[in-house]
Amino acid sequence: MSDIYMLEDTDPEWSKAWGHFPDPAMWNDIYKESLQYMGTIANTAYSGKPGECHYYHEFRHRAVPGSNERRYWKVAASLDWNPESTTAIAH
């Protein structure tokens, strides 16, 4: 099993990961739910191809506004990001 890393909000990668979403809160007023960062994991299918990311930031929403459906996203980390060069915490 691979480690799960937690980005700190001071890491520049934090704003890049959340910046993937036009509305990072995605607040659902009916269910009182918002988008949640779940952690960062290694790309276990990494093959070394140019442009392929080493890590993914995982997000979930329990009730996406409009559809109220549960949804998960894997957002590719910056190509030069790795947990050893940041303040990410392994869990």
Protein backbone atom coordinates (compact mmCIF):
# COMPACT_ATOMS: atom_id res chain seq x y z
CA MET A 1 0.00 0.00 0.00
CA SER A 2 1.37 3.42 -0.91
CA ASP A 3 1.54 6.41 1.39
CA ILE A 4 -1.09 9.09 1.44
CA TYR A 5 0.36 12.58 1.65
CA MET A 6 -1.48 15.61 2.96
CA LEU A 7 -0.62 18.94 1.40
CA GLU A 8 -0.30 21.88 3.73
CA ASP A 9 -1.98 25.11 2.70
CA THR A 10 1.45 26.80 2.57
CA ASP A 11 2.64 24.46 -0.19
CA PRO A 12 2.36 26.12 -3.64
CA GLU A 13 0.89 22.83 -4.90
CA TRP A 14 -2.14 23.44 -2.64
CA SER A 15 -3.43 26.34 -4.71
CA LYS A 16 -2.61 24.51 -7.96
CA ALA A 17 -4.63 21.47 -6.87
CA TRP A 18 -7.64 23.51 -5.72
CA GLY A 19 -7.32 25.73 -8.79
CA HIS A 20 -8.49 22.80 -10.91
CA PHE A 21 -12.05 23.63 -9.82
CA PRO A 22 -13.83 26.80 -11.04
CA ASP A 23 -15.63 26.95 -7.68
CA PRO A 24 -13.42 25.25 -5.08
CA ALA A 25 -16.12 25.31 -2.41
CA MET A 26 -18.88 23.77 -4.53
CA TRP A 27 -21.18 24.38 -1.59
CA ASN A 28 -24.42 22.40 -1.58
CA ASP A 29 -26.88 24.32 0.57
CA ILE A 30 -29.38 21.44 0.64
CA TYR A 31 -27.00 18.85 2.12
CA LYS A 32 -24.55 21.32 3.72
CA GLU A 33 -21.64 19.69 1.90
CA SER A 34 -18.62 21.09 0.09
CA LEU A 35 -15.66 19.79 -1.90
CA GLN A 36 -13.10 17.93 0.24
CA TYR A 37 -9.39 17.30 -0.32
CA MET A 38 -8.74 13.66 0.63
CA GLY A 39 -4.98 13.49 0.16
CA THR A 40 -2.27 12.94 -2.44
CA ILE A 41 -1.21 9.51 -3.65
CA ALA A 42 1.42 8.09 -5.98
CA ASN A 43 0.44 7.28 -9.54
CA THR A 44 0.81 3.50 -9.30
CA ALA A 45 0.51 3.20 -13.08
CA TYR A 46 3.44 5.59 -13.69
CA SER A 47 5.40 4.35 -16.71
CA GLY A 48 7.96 7.13 -17.14
CA LYS A 49 6.39 8.65 -20.24
CA PRO A 50 7.15 12.35 -20.75
CA GLY A 51 4.42 14.53 -19.28
CA GLU A 52 3.07 11.79 -17.04
CA CYS A 53 2.49 12.80 -13.43
CA HIS A 54 3.99 10.94 -10.48
CA TYR A 55 1.22 11.90 -8.03
CA TYR A 56 -2.52 12.62 -7.92
CA HIS A 57 -4.45 14.86 -5.54
CA GLU A 58 -7.75 13.24 -4.65
CA PHE A 59 -10.95 15.17 -3.99
CA ARG A 60 -14.51 14.14 -3.26
CA HIS A 61 -17.89 15.72 -2.92
CA ARG A 62 -20.72 13.89 -1.20
CA ALA A 63 -23.47 15.90 -2.92
CA VAL A 64 -22.39 17.85 -6.01
CA PRO A 65 -24.59 20.93 -6.43
CA GLY A 66 -27.21 20.42 -9.10
CA SER A 67 -27.11 16.62 -9.16
CA ASN A 68 -26.61 15.88 -5.43
CA GLU A 69 -24.48 12.89 -6.53
CA ARG A 70 -21.28 11.71 -4.88
CA ARG A 71 -18.23 12.30 -7.08
CA TYR A 72 -14.47 11.74 -6.90
CA TRP A 73 -11.67 13.50 -8.82
CA LYS A 74 -8.00 12.67 -9.36
CA VAL A 75 -6.16 15.89 -10.15
CA ALA A 76 -2.68 15.41 -11.60
CA ALA A 77 0.04 16.96 -9.46
CA SER A 78 2.57 19.27 -11.04
CA LEU A 79 5.21 17.27 -12.87
CA ASP A 80 7.99 18.60 -10.64
CA TRP A 81 6.09 18.10 -7.36
CA ASN A 82 7.15 15.37 -4.97
CA PRO A 83 6.52 14.95 -1.24
CA GLU A 84 10.21 14.94 -0.36
CA SER A 85 10.64 18.54 -1.59
CA THR A 86 7.65 19.97 0.30
CA THR A 87 5.99 20.03 3.66
CA ALA A 88 3.54 17.25 2.72
CA ILE A 89 2.87 14.89 5.59
CA ALA A 90 2.78 11.12 5.01
CA HIS A 91 -0.06 9.14 6.61
